[in-house]
Protein backbone atom coordinates (compact mmCIF):
# COMPACT_ATOMS: atom_id res chain seq x y z
CA MET A 1 -7.88 7.16 -8.77
CA PHE A 2 -6.44 3.93 -9.40
CA PHE A 3 -4.17 3.84 -12.85
CA ASP A 4 -3.17 0.65 -14.24
CA MET A 5 0.04 1.89 -15.75
CA HIS A 6 0.76 -1.78 -17.13
CA ALA A 7 3.96 -1.47 -19.16
CA ASP A 8 3.11 1.69 -21.62
CA VAL A 9 4.96 4.42 -19.45
CA TRP A 10 7.50 1.77 -18.06
CA THR A 11 8.41 1.13 -22.12
CA ASP A 12 8.63 4.75 -22.55
CA ASN A 13 10.79 5.66 -19.75
CA PHE A 14 13.16 2.49 -21.29
CA TRP A 15 13.34 3.97 -24.70
CA GLU A 16 13.89 7.80 -23.30
CA TYR A 17 16.49 6.48 -20.98
CA LYS A 18 18.33 4.98 -24.19
CA LYS A 19 18.28 8.12 -25.74
CA GLY A 20 20.14 10.02 -22.71
CA ASN A 21 16.84 11.32 -21.12
CA LYS A 22 17.09 11.16 -17.24
CA ASP A 23 13.99 11.09 -14.54
CA VAL A 24 11.72 10.59 -17.14
CA ILE A 25 8.61 9.76 -15.08
CA ARG A 26 8.97 13.25 -13.18
CA ASN A 27 9.95 15.43 -16.35
CA LYS A 28 7.32 13.74 -18.91
CA TYR A 29 4.53 12.29 -17.00
CA LYS A 30 4.04 14.21 -13.51
CA GLU A 31 2.30 16.85 -14.57
CA LYS A 32 -0.12 14.77 -16.55
CA PHE A 33 -0.73 12.51 -13.63
CA LEU A 34 -1.40 15.22 -11.37
CA LYS A 35 -3.81 16.91 -13.80
CA GLY A 36 -5.47 13.44 -13.98
CA GLY A 37 -5.87 13.24 -10.45
CA LEU A 38 -3.53 10.68 -9.74
CA SER A 39 -2.33 10.60 -6.32
CA GLY A 40 -0.26 7.37 -5.88
CA GLY A 41 0.59 4.36 -7.39
CA ILE A 42 2.29 0.82 -7.25
CA PHE A 43 5.09 0.59 -9.97
CA VAL A 44 6.37 -3.09 -10.48
CA ILE A 45 9.54 -3.80 -12.14
CA TYR A 46 10.59 -7.15 -13.19
CA LEU A 47 13.93 -8.00 -13.83
CA ASN A 48 15.29 -11.48 -14.85
CA VAL A 49 18.15 -12.02 -12.14
CA ASN A 50 19.28 -14.89 -14.16
CA LYS A 51 20.35 -12.58 -17.10
CA VAL A 52 21.98 -9.98 -14.95
CA GLU A 53 25.00 -10.18 -12.84
CA ASN A 54 23.89 -7.83 -10.07
CA ALA A 55 20.17 -7.21 -10.23
CA GLU A 56 20.35 -4.24 -7.85
CA GLU A 57 23.07 -2.41 -9.42
CA TYR A 58 21.19 -3.09 -13.09
CA PHE A 59 18.19 -1.69 -11.41
CA PHE A 60 19.43 1.55 -10.59
CA GLN A 61 21.32 1.88 -13.78
CA ILE A 62 17.94 2.01 -16.02
């Protein structure tokens, strides 16, 4: 099965992270993905490297 996650789950992941929740994809979505037959995915994350000092460090913070 292919799944176009677009930004909905990543947006939720961001807001959950801001509330202090960690590992949101695994804790909140993993079972739903597996139950729905999702067996893999490609997840693209855009960072504006012109607006952060260290893009790699920023990526791993969020």
